[in-house]
Amino acid sequence: MSLRLRLIVAGAALAIASTGAMAAAQSPSAGKALTPQQQRMADCNKQATGKKGDERKAFMSSCLKGQTAAAPAKQTQQEKMKSCNADASAKSLKGDARKSFMSTCLKGGAAASP
């Protein structure tokens, strides 16, 4: 074989070998275990199937932070106001007693009933 042909064959073999090594290094299933963050990302991604847009973005954010879907959603101020108002009316509170109850209830105090 001529020297030129040997160099071409050696170069081609080297290119093929380096391409295979790079692909193996980038592939997560190449025997390397996923990091905990990568595993969490994969799990959250599977759970987010079917969600789109802002809903998916919000879900992924809370999932990656480790918050579960079972965590209760935080009440909005309007929902708190409605709930506290109903409780005050059920207790027939008037005047200063109602004001005090509403203040404590809206702050999430112990006087507020669920």
Protein backbone atom coordinates (compact mmCIF):
# COMPACT_ATOMS: atom_id res chain seq x y z
CA MET A 1 0.00 0.00 0.00
CA SER A 2 1.23 3.48 -0.75
CA LEU A 3 1.91 5.90 2.06
CA ARG A 4 -0.85 8.24 0.91
CA LEU A 5 -3.47 5.47 1.02
CA ARG A 6 -2.31 4.40 4.50
CA LEU A 7 -2.68 7.96 5.79
CA ILE A 8 -6.20 8.25 4.36
CA VAL A 9 -7.26 4.93 5.91
CA ALA A 10 -5.68 5.84 9.28
CA GLY A 11 -7.36 9.26 9.23
CA ALA A 12 -10.75 7.78 8.44
CA ALA A 13 -10.39 5.19 11.21
CA LEU A 14 -9.41 7.89 13.69
CA ALA A 15 -12.38 10.08 12.69
CA ILE A 16 -14.81 7.18 13.09
CA ALA A 17 -13.35 6.21 16.47
CA SER A 18 -13.49 9.77 17.84
CA THR A 19 -17.09 10.26 16.64
CA GLY A 20 -18.15 7.07 18.41
CA ALA A 21 -16.39 8.10 21.60
CA MET A 22 -18.07 11.52 21.58
CA ALA A 23 -21.49 9.98 21.06
CA ALA A 24 -20.93 7.55 23.91
CA ALA A 25 -19.84 10.38 26.21
CA GLN A 26 -22.98 12.39 25.46
CA SER A 27 -25.44 9.50 25.76
CA PRO A 28 -26.88 9.15 29.31
CA SER A 29 -27.55 5.46 28.75
CA ALA A 30 -23.88 4.75 28.12
CA GLY A 31 -23.51 3.20 31.57
CA LYS A 32 -23.38 6.49 33.47
CA ALA A 33 -25.99 7.04 36.14
CA LEU A 34 -28.03 10.22 35.97
CA THR A 35 -27.38 12.92 38.55
CA PRO A 36 -30.22 13.52 41.01
CA GLN A 37 -31.15 16.74 39.17
CA GLN A 38 -31.21 14.94 35.81
CA GLN A 39 -33.35 12.17 37.30
CA ARG A 40 -35.77 14.71 38.80
CA MET A 41 -35.97 16.47 35.42
CA ALA A 42 -36.78 13.18 33.68
CA ASP A 43 -39.43 12.27 36.26
CA CYS A 44 -41.08 15.69 36.15
CA ASN A 45 -41.02 15.65 32.37
CA LYS A 46 -42.91 12.33 32.35
CA GLN A 47 -45.49 13.68 34.80
CA ALA A 48 -45.98 16.84 32.71
CA THR A 49 -47.17 14.87 29.69
CA GLY A 50 -50.29 16.51 28.26
CA LYS A 51 -49.70 19.90 29.89
CA LYS A 52 -48.93 22.84 27.62
CA GLY A 53 -47.86 26.46 27.84
CA ASP A 54 -48.09 28.25 31.18
CA GLU A 55 -49.64 25.23 32.90
CA ARG A 56 -46.61 23.08 31.97
CA LYS A 57 -44.17 25.81 32.93
CA ALA A 58 -45.78 26.24 36.36
CA PHE A 59 -45.93 22.47 36.90
CA MET A 60 -42.28 21.94 35.93
CA SER A 61 -41.17 24.79 38.17
CA SER A 62 -42.94 23.41 41.24
CA CYS A 63 -41.98 19.82 40.42
CA LEU A 64 -38.29 20.64 40.06
CA LYS A 65 -38.40 22.51 43.38
CA GLY A 66 -39.66 19.30 44.96
CA GLN A 67 -43.17 20.55 45.66
CA THR A 68 -45.79 17.86 45.31
CA ALA A 69 -49.13 18.17 43.60
CA ALA A 70 -50.78 17.17 46.88
CA ALA A 71 -49.70 20.45 48.49
CA PRO A 72 -52.73 22.67 49.01
CA ALA A 73 -52.97 25.72 46.78
CA LYS A 74 -52.58 29.03 48.56
CA GLN A 75 -55.84 30.96 48.91
CA THR A 76 -56.09 34.24 47.09
CA GLN A 77 -56.97 37.39 49.06
CA GLN A 78 -60.44 37.39 47.53
CA GLU A 79 -61.04 33.76 48.58
CA LYS A 80 -59.84 34.55 52.12
CA MET A 81 -62.15 37.57 52.30
CA LYS A 82 -65.14 35.50 51.18
CA SER A 83 -64.38 32.69 53.63
CA CYS A 84 -63.76 35.01 56.60
CA ASN A 85 -66.88 37.01 55.79
CA ALA A 86 -68.97 33.84 55.74
CA ASP A 87 -67.49 32.73 59.07
CA ALA A 88 -68.16 36.13 60.67
CA SER A 89 -71.75 36.06 59.43
CA ALA A 90 -72.22 32.49 60.69
CA LYS A 91 -71.05 33.64 64.14
CA SER A 92 -73.36 36.68 63.96
CA LEU A 93 -70.50 39.06 64.73
CA LYS A 94 -71.13 42.81 64.59
CA GLY A 95 -69.10 46.01 65.10
CA ASP A 96 -65.70 45.80 66.78
CA ALA A 97 -65.96 42.04 67.34
CA ARG A 98 -66.46 41.53 63.60
CA LYS A 99 -63.57 43.88 62.73
CA SER A 100 -61.26 42.06 65.12
CA PHE A 101 -62.33 38.65 63.84
CA MET A 102 -61.91 39.70 60.18
CA SER A 103 -58.45 41.13 60.86
CA THR A 104 -57.28 37.97 62.60
CA CYS A 105 -58.92 35.72 60.01
CA LEU A 106 -57.42 37.54 57.01
CA LYS A 107 -53.96 37.30 58.57
CA GLY A 108 -54.46 33.56 58.88
CA GLY A 109 -54.82 33.67 62.64
CA ALA A 110 -56.21 30.97 64.93
CA ALA A 111 -59.65 32.61 65.06
CA ALA A 112 -60.21 31.69 61.43
CA SER A 113 -62.01 28.44 60.96
CA PRO A 114 -61.31 26.32 57.82
